[in-house]
Amino acid sequence: MPIMKYEVVIGLETHAELATASKLWCGCSTTFGTPPNTQVCPVCLGMPGVLPVLNKKALEYSLRAVMALNCRVNLFSTFDRKNYYYPDLPKNYQISQNHLNLGVDGNIDIKSNGGMKRISIHNVHLEEEAGKLIHPEDPSADYSLVDFNRAGVPLLEIVTNPDMRSLDEVEQFMLTLRNILLYNKVSDCKMQEGSLRFEASISLRPVGQEKLGSRVEMKNLNSMKSVLKALGYETGRQTEVMDSGKEVDMETRLWDEARGRTERMRTKEEAHDYRYFPEPDLAPMVIEERWLDELRSTLPELPLSRRNRFVEEYSLSDYDAGVLTEDKAVADYFERCVGLYATPKSLCNWITNDLLRELKERKVEIENFKVSPEALVGLVKMVEEGTVSMPIARGVFADMADSGNDAATIVKKKGLLQISDKGELEQLILKVLKENPEAVNDYKKGKKTALGFLVGQIMRQSKGKANPKVVNEVLTQKLKAG
């Protein structure tokens, strides 16, 4: 294994749009995908004389996230004006937080490289979204369009310290943070709609050196894969620079997805001075401890804690527990099933294999899935009691997903009850043995595969309804007797 010359140091800024029905300062809708500039008003367009009014639900969601990220809540916090010009920023400033953020000094525990690591959170603050520029596909076009529907949508920014040392840690952090936000229902985290975005900062330093290297900020990262690819490329680029004896420039770079490389956006000397100052149109926020206690009492069990509990309480593998707890609704579904029928491993297998496959193929959320926990438990019971075979049960499950009917109704209607009667199976087995004398001879010569072939023929002729356990028992007896 090659000796590493440099240590990678990475920090992330995460922007999560909050799942409120209206914007941060006004009553305009936050619905995604509506026609351009149809969800705007004088407030979110920054017209002269308008005043912002804070959306209490946005503050509530922000505080839930702050507490879920183990941050210290600032009971007294303020908004600031972040001044810069960009065409999609109607006021020419963004209402954000800089001096007194909602949350500070938090942390997230992640699983990486077989162990646990704590990533510290520098701050969490609430701000407003900008609009969105739309550039024509025609390369000769000399104009761009702007859609202000997004302007004023509440945005939570989560800033880590530079604690990550590998791409695996970055990936696990992004996945863990996303799940925490989803578990708390504060954001839908749909990256394809821009409601979850990441910006990364990366530097390299010689192994063993404490002083940080020159930081490069990465923008235009539209997916988790883009984050990882951009950081991978930048690691290689900075390594080449340092190997050549040069210093890495402190700068901001853009990720070019098409070319698979980063490009310089601006150097440190060209960076903006945002000239923050207190927002004069908004009073400071004074958070009451009583309200915090109420919100804290509603926080759900978080993904990592639930994953560890599933391993201990239900004797599941860490992998299975991870799959189940990836989505809170799936984890809830599983626990409802276990509450009805205490066979966690069997239920886990059905959910992680069959149920999740059906959800993916049908492109539906589990809340809209036609197979209820009660219905799935009914099917699993029929399998374990020998009423239907596993191959039949899988087909029945697909029918349940189509029709919403329970397993017993489908099995009865289609005549799918498993055949366990030895007398009935004996007649079928004798028929198969008569039709396959070569396989019988192979078995007698010691070829073990012949038994599997004969079992397969019996199952085929019974259309999957023969009880495999009884088939093996009777078939073995007949072969030995013959």
Protein backbone atom coordinates (compact mmCIF):
# COMPACT_ATOMS: atom_id res chain seq x y z
CA MET A 1 0.00 0.00 0.00
CA PRO A 2 1.55 3.35 -1.04
CA ILE A 3 2.59 5.80 1.68
CA MET A 4 0.46 8.95 1.58
CA LYS A 5 2.44 12.21 1.35
CA TYR A 6 -0.49 14.57 1.96
CA GLU A 7 -3.50 14.66 4.21
CA VAL A 8 -6.80 15.85 2.74
CA VAL A 9 -8.77 18.34 4.84
CA ILE A 10 -12.42 18.94 3.88
CA GLY A 11 -15.30 20.99 5.21
CA LEU A 12 -18.84 21.33 3.83
CA GLU A 13 -21.51 24.00 3.67
CA THR A 14 -24.98 22.53 3.24
CA HIS A 15 -27.97 24.53 2.02
CA ALA A 16 -31.34 22.93 2.79
CA GLU A 17 -34.61 24.55 1.73
CA LEU A 18 -37.13 24.21 4.54
CA ALA A 19 -40.39 22.37 3.84
CA THR A 20 -42.70 25.28 4.65
CA ALA A 21 -45.76 26.00 2.52
CA SER A 22 -44.93 29.72 2.31
CA LYS A 23 -41.80 31.83 2.02
CA LEU A 24 -39.65 33.22 4.80
CA TRP A 25 -40.91 36.83 4.80
CA CYS A 26 -44.27 36.67 2.99
CA GLY A 27 -47.21 34.41 2.18
CA CYS A 28 -46.12 33.40 -1.35
CA SER A 29 -46.17 29.67 -2.10
CA THR A 30 -42.98 27.60 -2.15
CA THR A 31 -44.40 24.93 -4.52
CA PHE A 32 -41.73 23.68 -6.91
CA GLY A 33 -42.16 23.59 -10.68
CA THR A 34 -44.76 26.30 -11.22
CA PRO A 35 -44.47 28.71 -14.22
CA PRO A 36 -41.74 31.35 -13.79
CA ASN A 37 -42.52 34.43 -11.69
CA THR A 38 -46.02 33.27 -10.68
CA GLN A 39 -45.23 32.94 -6.94
CA VAL A 40 -44.00 36.44 -6.21
CA CYS A 41 -45.17 39.58 -4.44
CA PRO A 42 -43.72 43.01 -3.59
CA VAL A 43 -41.99 41.57 -0.50
CA CYS A 44 -40.04 38.77 -2.22
CA LEU A 45 -39.37 41.05 -5.20
CA GLY A 46 -37.77 43.60 -2.91
CA MET A 47 -40.03 46.50 -3.86
CA PRO A 48 -39.45 49.87 -2.09
CA GLY A 49 -41.29 50.33 1.20
CA VAL A 50 -42.07 46.66 1.91
CA LEU A 51 -41.28 45.03 5.25
CA PRO A 52 -40.45 41.35 5.95
CA VAL A 53 -42.40 39.35 8.54
CA LEU A 54 -40.74 36.18 9.85
CA ASN A 55 -42.43 32.84 9.07
CA LYS A 56 -42.75 31.17 12.49
CA LYS A 57 -42.90 27.67 10.98
CA ALA A 58 -39.54 28.29 9.28
CA LEU A 59 -38.06 29.25 12.65
CA GLU A 60 -39.59 26.14 14.22
CA TYR A 61 -38.11 23.87 11.54
CA SER A 62 -34.74 25.60 11.93
CA LEU A 63 -34.72 25.06 15.69
CA ARG A 64 -35.65 21.39 15.26
CA ALA A 65 -32.69 20.96 12.94
CA VAL A 66 -30.37 22.88 15.26
CA MET A 67 -31.26 20.60 18.18
CA ALA A 68 -31.09 17.44 16.07
CA LEU A 69 -27.54 18.47 15.10
CA ASN A 70 -26.59 18.76 18.78
CA CYS A 71 -25.98 22.51 18.52
CA ARG A 72 -26.18 25.05 21.30
CA VAL A 73 -29.19 27.25 20.61
CA ASN A 74 -28.63 30.98 20.81
CA LEU A 75 -31.66 32.19 22.71
CA PHE A 76 -30.96 35.67 21.39
CA SER A 77 -30.14 35.80 17.67
CA THR A 78 -30.35 38.35 14.89
CA PHE A 79 -30.60 38.71 11.13
CA ASP A 80 -28.01 40.52 9.05
CA ARG A 81 -27.86 41.97 5.56
CA LYS A 82 -25.34 40.25 3.30
CA ASN A 83 -24.70 42.78 0.55
CA TYR A 84 -23.79 41.73 -2.98
CA TYR A 85 -25.09 42.23 -6.48
CA TYR A 86 -26.32 39.36 -8.62
CA PRO A 87 -29.21 39.45 -11.13
CA ASP A 88 -31.30 36.87 -9.25
CA LEU A 89 -31.05 38.78 -5.94
CA PRO A 90 -33.85 41.35 -6.22
CA LYS A 91 -32.91 43.51 -3.20
CA ASN A 92 -29.15 43.45 -3.97
CA TYR A 93 -28.71 42.01 -0.49
CA GLN A 94 -29.65 38.75 1.19
CA ILE A 95 -31.21 38.59 4.64
CA SER A 96 -29.05 36.05 6.45
CA GLN A 97 -27.30 35.55 9.78
CA ASN A 98 -23.65 36.24 10.52
CA HIS A 99 -23.06 37.70 13.98
CA LEU A 100 -25.54 35.74 16.11
CA ASN A 101 -26.54 32.47 14.43
CA LEU A 102 -29.39 30.26 15.60
CA GLY A 103 -27.11 27.33 16.42
CA VAL A 104 -23.39 26.85 17.12
CA ASP A 105 -20.95 24.16 18.25
CA GLY A 106 -22.87 21.08 17.11
CA ASN A 107 -21.82 17.67 15.83
CA ILE A 108 -22.87 14.63 13.79
CA ASP A 109 -21.59 11.10 14.35
CA ILE A 110 -20.98 9.13 11.16
CA LYS A 111 -19.98 5.56 10.39
CA SER A 112 -16.90 5.44 8.17
CA ASN A 113 -14.27 2.81 7.41
CA GLY A 114 -15.75 0.42 9.96
CA GLY A 115 -15.66 2.89 12.85
CA MET A 116 -17.32 6.00 14.22
CA LYS A 117 -16.22 9.59 13.72
CA ARG A 118 -17.63 12.84 15.02
CA ILE A 119 -17.89 15.75 12.58
CA SER A 120 -18.27 19.10 14.32
CA ILE A 121 -20.75 21.74 13.17
CA HIS A 122 -19.47 25.32 13.31
CA ASN A 123 -22.88 26.98 12.93
CA VAL A 124 -26.41 26.64 11.61
CA HIS A 125 -28.19 29.75 10.38
CA LEU A 126 -31.40 30.76 8.66
CA GLU A 127 -31.51 32.87 5.51
CA GLU A 128 -33.54 33.53 2.38
CA GLU A 129 -33.06 31.93 -1.03
CA ALA A 130 -32.17 33.94 -4.12
CA GLY A 131 -34.01 33.55 -7.42
CA LYS A 132 -32.75 31.42 -10.29
CA LEU A 133 -31.07 32.42 -13.54
CA ILE A 134 -32.10 30.50 -16.66
CA HIS A 135 -29.55 30.50 -19.48
CA PRO A 136 -30.70 29.77 -23.06
CA GLU A 137 -29.32 26.60 -24.63
CA ASP A 138 -28.32 28.54 -27.75
CA PRO A 139 -24.62 29.39 -27.21
CA SER A 140 -24.98 32.54 -29.33
CA ALA A 141 -27.69 34.00 -27.04
CA ASP A 142 -26.62 37.22 -25.38
CA TYR A 143 -29.18 37.23 -22.57
CA SER A 144 -30.37 35.22 -19.56
CA LEU A 145 -33.78 34.99 -17.91
CA VAL A 146 -34.54 35.20 -14.21
CA ASP A 147 -37.24 33.39 -12.25
CA PHE A 148 -38.00 34.87 -8.81
CA ASN A 149 -40.31 32.06 -7.65
CA ARG A 150 -37.51 30.76 -5.42
CA ALA A 151 -36.58 34.18 -4.00
CA GLY A 152 -37.46 34.30 -0.31
CA VAL A 153 -37.81 30.52 0.20
CA PRO A 154 -36.47 29.74 3.71
CA LEU A 155 -32.99 28.24 3.55
CA LEU A 156 -31.02 26.60 6.34
CA GLU A 157 -27.23 26.73 6.02
CA ILE A 158 -25.20 24.16 7.96
CA VAL A 159 -21.47 24.82 8.15
CA THR A 160 -19.02 22.15 9.34
CA ASN A 161 -15.52 22.58 10.63
CA PRO A 162 -12.80 21.10 8.37
CA ASP A 163 -12.98 17.69 10.06
CA MET A 164 -13.31 15.30 7.11
CA ARG A 165 -10.22 13.45 5.90
CA SER A 166 -11.49 11.25 3.08
CA LEU A 167 -14.15 11.03 0.39
CA ASP A 168 -15.80 8.20 2.33
CA GLU A 169 -16.23 10.49 5.34
CA VAL A 170 -17.68 13.20 3.10
CA GLU A 171 -20.17 10.75 1.58
CA GLN A 172 -21.22 9.37 4.96
CA PHE A 173 -21.64 12.88 6.34
CA MET A 174 -23.87 13.94 3.43
CA LEU A 175 -26.02 10.81 3.72
CA THR A 176 -26.27 11.09 7.51
CA LEU A 177 -27.16 14.78 7.43
CA ARG A 178 -29.77 14.20 4.73
CA ASN A 179 -31.41 11.47 6.83
CA ILE A 180 -31.44 13.66 9.95
CA LEU A 181 -33.23 16.43 8.04
CA LEU A 182 -35.70 13.93 6.53
CA TYR A 183 -36.38 12.22 9.87
CA ASN A 184 -37.24 15.60 11.35
CA LYS A 185 -39.38 16.51 8.30
CA VAL A 186 -37.79 19.95 8.04
CA SER A 187 -36.75 19.59 4.37
CA ASP A 188 -37.65 17.24 1.52
CA CYS A 189 -33.93 17.18 0.55
CA LYS A 190 -34.66 16.73 -3.17
CA MET A 191 -31.35 17.54 -4.81
CA GLN A 192 -32.90 17.29 -8.27
CA GLU A 193 -35.14 20.22 -7.30
CA GLY A 194 -32.35 22.19 -5.63
CA SER A 195 -33.72 21.86 -2.11
CA LEU A 196 -30.46 20.30 -0.86
CA ARG A 197 -27.13 21.63 -2.09
CA PHE A 198 -23.53 21.30 -0.97
CA GLU A 199 -20.44 23.49 -1.27
CA ALA A 200 -17.09 22.03 -0.29
CA SER A 201 -13.77 23.46 0.87
CA ILE A 202 -10.63 21.37 0.45
CA SER A 203 -6.96 21.76 1.24
CA LEU A 204 -3.96 19.47 1.41
CA ARG A 205 -1.08 19.46 3.88
CA PRO A 206 1.94 17.21 4.37
CA VAL A 207 1.15 14.26 6.62
CA GLY A 208 1.98 15.21 10.21
CA GLN A 209 1.74 18.95 9.67
CA GLU A 210 -0.76 20.78 11.89
CA LYS A 211 -1.00 24.01 9.91
CA LEU A 212 -3.80 23.95 7.32
CA GLY A 213 -3.01 24.35 3.65
CA SER A 214 -4.49 26.91 1.24
CA ARG A 215 -8.25 26.39 1.08
CA VAL A 216 -10.06 26.00 -2.24
CA GLU A 217 -13.83 26.45 -2.24
CA MET A 218 -15.91 24.33 -4.63
CA LYS A 219 -19.20 25.50 -6.13
CA ASN A 220 -21.73 24.24 -8.70
CA LEU A 221 -22.07 20.83 -7.03
CA ASN A 222 -25.52 19.59 -8.03
CA SER A 223 -25.46 16.09 -6.56
CA MET A 224 -23.62 14.00 -4.00
CA LYS A 225 -21.82 12.27 -6.86
CA SER A 226 -20.69 15.66 -8.16
CA VAL A 227 -19.34 16.55 -4.71
CA LEU A 228 -17.28 13.36 -4.57
CA LYS A 229 -16.04 13.63 -8.16
CA ALA A 230 -15.07 17.28 -7.73
CA LEU A 231 -13.21 16.58 -4.50
CA GLY A 232 -11.46 13.61 -6.09
CA TYR A 233 -10.33 15.74 -9.02
CA GLU A 234 -9.24 18.61 -6.77
CA THR A 235 -7.22 16.23 -4.58
CA GLY A 236 -5.28 15.13 -7.64
CA ARG A 237 -4.83 18.69 -8.94
CA GLN A 238 -3.56 20.04 -5.64
CA THR A 239 -1.24 17.05 -5.24
CA GLU A 240 0.36 17.83 -8.62
CA VAL A 241 0.78 21.50 -7.68
CA MET A 242 2.44 20.65 -4.37
CA ASP A 243 4.63 17.95 -5.93
CA SER A 244 5.95 20.55 -8.37
CA GLY A 245 7.09 22.73 -5.48
CA LYS A 246 4.45 25.41 -6.02
CA GLU A 247 1.85 26.73 -3.58
CA VAL A 248 -1.87 26.08 -4.05
CA ASP A 249 -3.76 29.32 -4.66
CA MET A 250 -6.55 30.16 -2.22
CA GLU A 251 -9.49 30.51 -4.57
CA THR A 252 -13.04 29.55 -5.50
CA ARG A 253 -13.45 27.00 -8.29
CA LEU A 254 -16.44 25.72 -10.24
CA TRP A 255 -17.06 22.06 -11.03
CA ASP A 256 -17.52 21.40 -14.75
CA GLU A 257 -19.60 18.21 -14.86
CA ALA A 258 -19.32 17.77 -18.63
CA ARG A 259 -15.52 18.04 -18.66
CA GLY A 260 -15.02 16.34 -15.31
CA ARG A 261 -12.73 19.05 -13.93
CA THR A 262 -12.69 22.18 -11.80
CA GLU A 263 -12.17 25.67 -13.24
CA ARG A 264 -11.11 28.87 -11.50
CA MET A 265 -13.98 31.20 -10.62
CA ARG A 266 -12.15 33.84 -8.57
CA THR A 267 -9.04 34.15 -6.43
CA LYS A 268 -8.96 35.24 -2.80
CA GLU A 269 -8.02 38.77 -3.85
CA GLU A 270 -11.14 38.96 -6.00
CA ALA A 271 -13.48 37.57 -3.33
CA HIS A 272 -16.49 39.62 -2.30
CA ASP A 273 -16.62 41.73 0.84
CA TYR A 274 -20.22 41.19 1.85
CA ARG A 275 -20.29 44.18 4.24
CA TYR A 276 -22.58 42.50 6.75
CA PHE A 277 -24.60 44.77 9.01
CA PRO A 278 -27.66 44.18 11.24
CA GLU A 279 -30.97 43.91 9.38
CA PRO A 280 -32.86 47.07 10.45
CA ASP A 281 -36.31 45.83 9.40
CA LEU A 282 -36.34 42.74 11.67
CA ALA A 283 -36.26 42.69 15.47
CA PRO A 284 -33.90 40.26 17.21
CA MET A 285 -35.30 36.78 17.89
CA VAL A 286 -35.69 35.90 21.56
CA ILE A 287 -36.28 32.14 21.93
CA GLU A 288 -38.10 30.99 25.07
CA GLU A 289 -36.76 27.89 26.84
CA ARG A 290 -40.32 26.65 27.24
CA TRP A 291 -40.82 26.59 23.46
CA LEU A 292 -37.48 24.84 22.97
CA ASP A 293 -38.50 22.15 25.48
CA GLU A 294 -41.76 21.61 23.60
CA LEU A 295 -39.92 21.26 20.29
CA ARG A 296 -37.27 18.99 21.82
CA SER A 297 -39.95 16.63 23.08
CA THR A 298 -41.19 16.10 19.51
CA LEU A 299 -37.80 15.20 18.01
CA PRO A 300 -37.76 11.66 16.59
CA GLU A 301 -35.21 8.95 17.31
CA LEU A 302 -32.41 9.76 14.87
CA PRO A 303 -31.20 7.37 12.14
CA LEU A 304 -27.92 6.24 13.71
CA SER A 305 -29.49 5.62 17.11
CA ARG A 306 -32.34 3.71 15.49
CA ARG A 307 -29.94 1.69 13.38
CA ASN A 308 -27.96 0.64 16.45
CA ARG A 309 -31.18 -0.24 18.28
CA PHE A 310 -32.38 -2.43 15.41
CA VAL A 311 -29.11 -4.38 15.60
CA GLU A 312 -29.39 -4.91 19.35
CA GLU A 313 -33.15 -5.29 19.77
CA TYR A 314 -33.98 -7.31 16.65
CA SER A 315 -30.64 -9.12 16.10
CA LEU A 316 -30.32 -7.72 12.58
CA SER A 317 -27.05 -7.22 10.75
CA ASP A 318 -25.67 -3.70 10.67
CA TYR A 319 -26.23 -3.69 6.90
CA ASP A 320 -29.91 -4.70 7.17
CA ALA A 321 -30.49 -2.19 9.95
CA GLY A 322 -28.88 0.49 7.78
CA VAL A 323 -31.17 -0.28 4.84
CA LEU A 324 -34.28 -0.22 7.03
CA THR A 325 -33.42 3.06 8.74
CA GLU A 326 -32.37 4.85 5.54
CA ASP A 327 -35.97 6.06 5.26
CA LYS A 328 -37.95 6.85 8.41
CA ALA A 329 -41.22 5.71 6.81
CA VAL A 330 -39.68 2.32 5.96
CA ALA A 331 -38.31 1.95 9.50
CA ASP A 332 -41.74 2.83 10.91
CA TYR A 333 -43.37 0.26 8.59
CA PHE A 334 -40.93 -2.42 9.77
CA GLU A 335 -41.61 -1.73 13.43
CA ARG A 336 -45.36 -1.86 12.86
CA CYS A 337 -44.88 -5.28 11.25
CA VAL A 338 -42.73 -6.55 14.13
CA GLY A 339 -45.36 -5.33 16.58
CA LEU A 340 -47.90 -7.56 14.84
CA TYR A 341 -45.67 -10.61 14.28
CA ALA A 342 -42.37 -10.95 16.14
CA THR A 343 -40.24 -12.41 13.34
CA PRO A 344 -37.91 -9.47 12.63
CA LYS A 345 -35.48 -11.30 10.36
CA SER A 346 -38.19 -12.68 8.05
CA LEU A 347 -39.96 -9.33 7.90
CA CYS A 348 -36.66 -7.54 7.27
CA ASN A 349 -35.95 -9.85 4.31
CA TRP A 350 -39.36 -9.18 2.79
CA ILE A 351 -39.05 -5.42 3.24
CA THR A 352 -35.45 -4.96 2.11
CA ASN A 353 -35.83 -7.25 -0.90
CA ASP A 354 -39.40 -7.45 -2.19
CA LEU A 355 -41.04 -4.33 -0.77
CA LEU A 356 -38.25 -1.88 -1.62
CA ARG A 357 -38.01 -3.38 -5.13
CA GLU A 358 -41.74 -2.88 -5.70
CA LEU A 359 -41.53 0.70 -4.43
CA LYS A 360 -38.69 1.45 -6.82
CA GLU A 361 -40.33 -0.18 -9.83
CA ARG A 362 -43.70 1.48 -9.17
CA LYS A 363 -42.10 4.82 -8.23
CA VAL A 364 -44.28 5.23 -5.16
CA GLU A 365 -43.57 6.19 -1.56
CA ILE A 366 -44.26 3.61 1.12
CA GLU A 367 -47.05 5.80 2.52
CA ASN A 368 -48.95 5.25 -0.76
CA PHE A 369 -48.11 1.54 -1.10
CA LYS A 370 -51.14 -0.74 -1.25
CA VAL A 371 -49.65 -3.45 0.98
CA SER A 372 -50.19 -2.44 4.60
CA PRO A 373 -48.06 -3.83 7.46
CA GLU A 374 -51.03 -5.99 8.43
CA ALA A 375 -51.26 -7.40 4.91
CA LEU A 376 -47.54 -8.17 4.70
CA VAL A 377 -47.64 -9.91 8.08
CA GLY A 378 -50.56 -12.02 6.84
CA LEU A 379 -48.51 -13.17 3.85
CA VAL A 380 -45.39 -13.92 5.93
CA LYS A 381 -47.49 -16.00 8.32
CA MET A 382 -48.87 -18.05 5.42
CA VAL A 383 -45.31 -18.79 4.24
CA GLU A 384 -44.03 -19.76 7.68
CA GLU A 385 -47.08 -21.91 8.38
CA GLY A 386 -46.61 -23.75 5.08
CA THR A 387 -49.86 -22.49 3.53
CA VAL A 388 -48.04 -21.15 0.46
CA SER A 389 -44.54 -21.72 -0.89
CA MET A 390 -42.01 -18.92 -1.10
CA PRO A 391 -42.08 -18.73 -4.94
CA ILE A 392 -45.88 -18.52 -4.86
CA ALA A 393 -45.74 -15.96 -2.08
CA ARG A 394 -43.56 -13.63 -4.14
CA GLY A 395 -46.13 -13.68 -6.93
CA VAL A 396 -48.90 -13.12 -4.40
CA PHE A 397 -47.03 -10.10 -3.03
CA ALA A 398 -46.91 -8.54 -6.49
CA ASP A 399 -50.66 -9.14 -6.82
CA MET A 400 -51.22 -7.52 -3.44
CA ALA A 401 -49.25 -4.46 -4.59
CA ASP A 402 -51.45 -4.26 -7.71
CA SER A 403 -54.86 -4.85 -6.18
CA GLY A 404 -54.55 -3.99 -2.50
CA ASN A 405 -56.18 -7.33 -1.63
CA ASP A 406 -54.83 -9.43 1.24
CA ALA A 407 -52.85 -12.62 0.69
CA ALA A 408 -55.58 -15.03 1.84
CA THR A 409 -58.07 -13.59 -0.69
CA ILE A 410 -55.62 -13.88 -3.59
CA VAL A 411 -54.46 -17.38 -2.64
CA LYS A 412 -58.03 -18.65 -2.37
CA LYS A 413 -59.16 -16.98 -5.59
CA LYS A 414 -56.26 -18.37 -7.63
CA GLY A 415 -56.05 -21.76 -5.94
CA LEU A 416 -52.47 -21.30 -4.78
CA LEU A 417 -52.55 -23.24 -1.53
CA GLN A 418 -49.35 -25.20 -0.97
CA ILE A 419 -49.57 -28.97 -1.44
CA SER A 420 -48.28 -30.66 1.70
CA ASP A 421 -50.28 -33.92 1.55
CA LYS A 422 -47.75 -36.76 1.24
CA GLY A 423 -50.12 -39.00 -0.66
CA GLU A 424 -50.81 -36.36 -3.29
CA LEU A 425 -47.13 -35.46 -3.59
CA GLU A 426 -46.12 -39.13 -3.81
CA GLN A 427 -48.13 -39.58 -7.00
CA LEU A 428 -46.49 -36.50 -8.53
CA ILE A 429 -43.02 -37.66 -7.47
CA LEU A 430 -43.49 -41.14 -8.96
CA LYS A 431 -44.55 -39.53 -12.23
CA VAL A 432 -41.43 -37.33 -12.32
CA LEU A 433 -39.14 -40.28 -11.48
CA LYS A 434 -40.66 -42.30 -14.31
CA GLU A 435 -40.16 -39.45 -16.78
CA ASN A 436 -36.52 -38.83 -15.76
CA PRO A 437 -34.71 -42.19 -15.50
CA GLU A 438 -31.31 -40.64 -16.35
CA ALA A 439 -31.50 -38.28 -13.38
CA VAL A 440 -32.47 -41.21 -11.13
CA ASN A 441 -29.41 -43.16 -12.32
CA ASP A 442 -27.19 -40.11 -11.82
CA TYR A 443 -28.42 -39.80 -8.24
CA LYS A 444 -27.65 -43.46 -7.57
CA LYS A 445 -24.13 -42.88 -8.94
CA GLY A 446 -23.62 -40.17 -6.32
CA LYS A 447 -24.31 -37.02 -8.36
CA LYS A 448 -25.89 -34.64 -5.86
CA THR A 449 -27.05 -32.23 -8.54
CA ALA A 450 -29.50 -34.84 -9.76
CA LEU A 451 -31.60 -34.41 -6.60
CA GLY A 452 -31.91 -30.68 -7.21
CA PHE A 453 -32.93 -31.32 -10.81
CA LEU A 454 -35.69 -33.72 -9.76
CA VAL A 455 -36.97 -31.33 -7.08
CA GLY A 456 -37.09 -28.61 -9.73
CA GLN A 457 -39.16 -30.82 -12.05
CA ILE A 458 -41.58 -31.59 -9.25
CA MET A 459 -41.97 -27.93 -8.39
CA ARG A 460 -42.49 -27.07 -12.05
CA GLN A 461 -45.20 -29.67 -12.53
CA SER A 462 -46.93 -28.56 -9.32
CA LYS A 463 -46.73 -24.96 -10.59
CA GLY A 464 -44.75 -24.02 -7.48
CA LYS A 465 -47.41 -25.27 -5.07
CA ALA A 466 -45.57 -28.32 -3.73
CA ASN A 467 -44.15 -27.99 -0.23
CA PRO A 468 -40.36 -28.15 -0.81
CA LYS A 469 -39.66 -29.65 2.60
CA VAL A 470 -42.16 -32.48 2.11
CA VAL A 471 -41.00 -33.00 -1.50
CA ASN A 472 -37.39 -33.48 -0.39
CA GLU A 473 -38.45 -35.89 2.34
CA VAL A 474 -40.67 -38.11 0.14
CA LEU A 475 -38.36 -37.92 -2.89
CA THR A 476 -35.32 -39.01 -0.85
CA GLN A 477 -37.30 -41.96 0.55
CA LYS A 478 -38.38 -43.07 -2.94
CA LEU A 479 -34.88 -42.79 -4.40
CA LYS A 480 -33.36 -44.81 -1.56
CA ALA A 481 -36.09 -47.42 -1.77
CA GLY A 482 -35.70 -47.73 -5.55
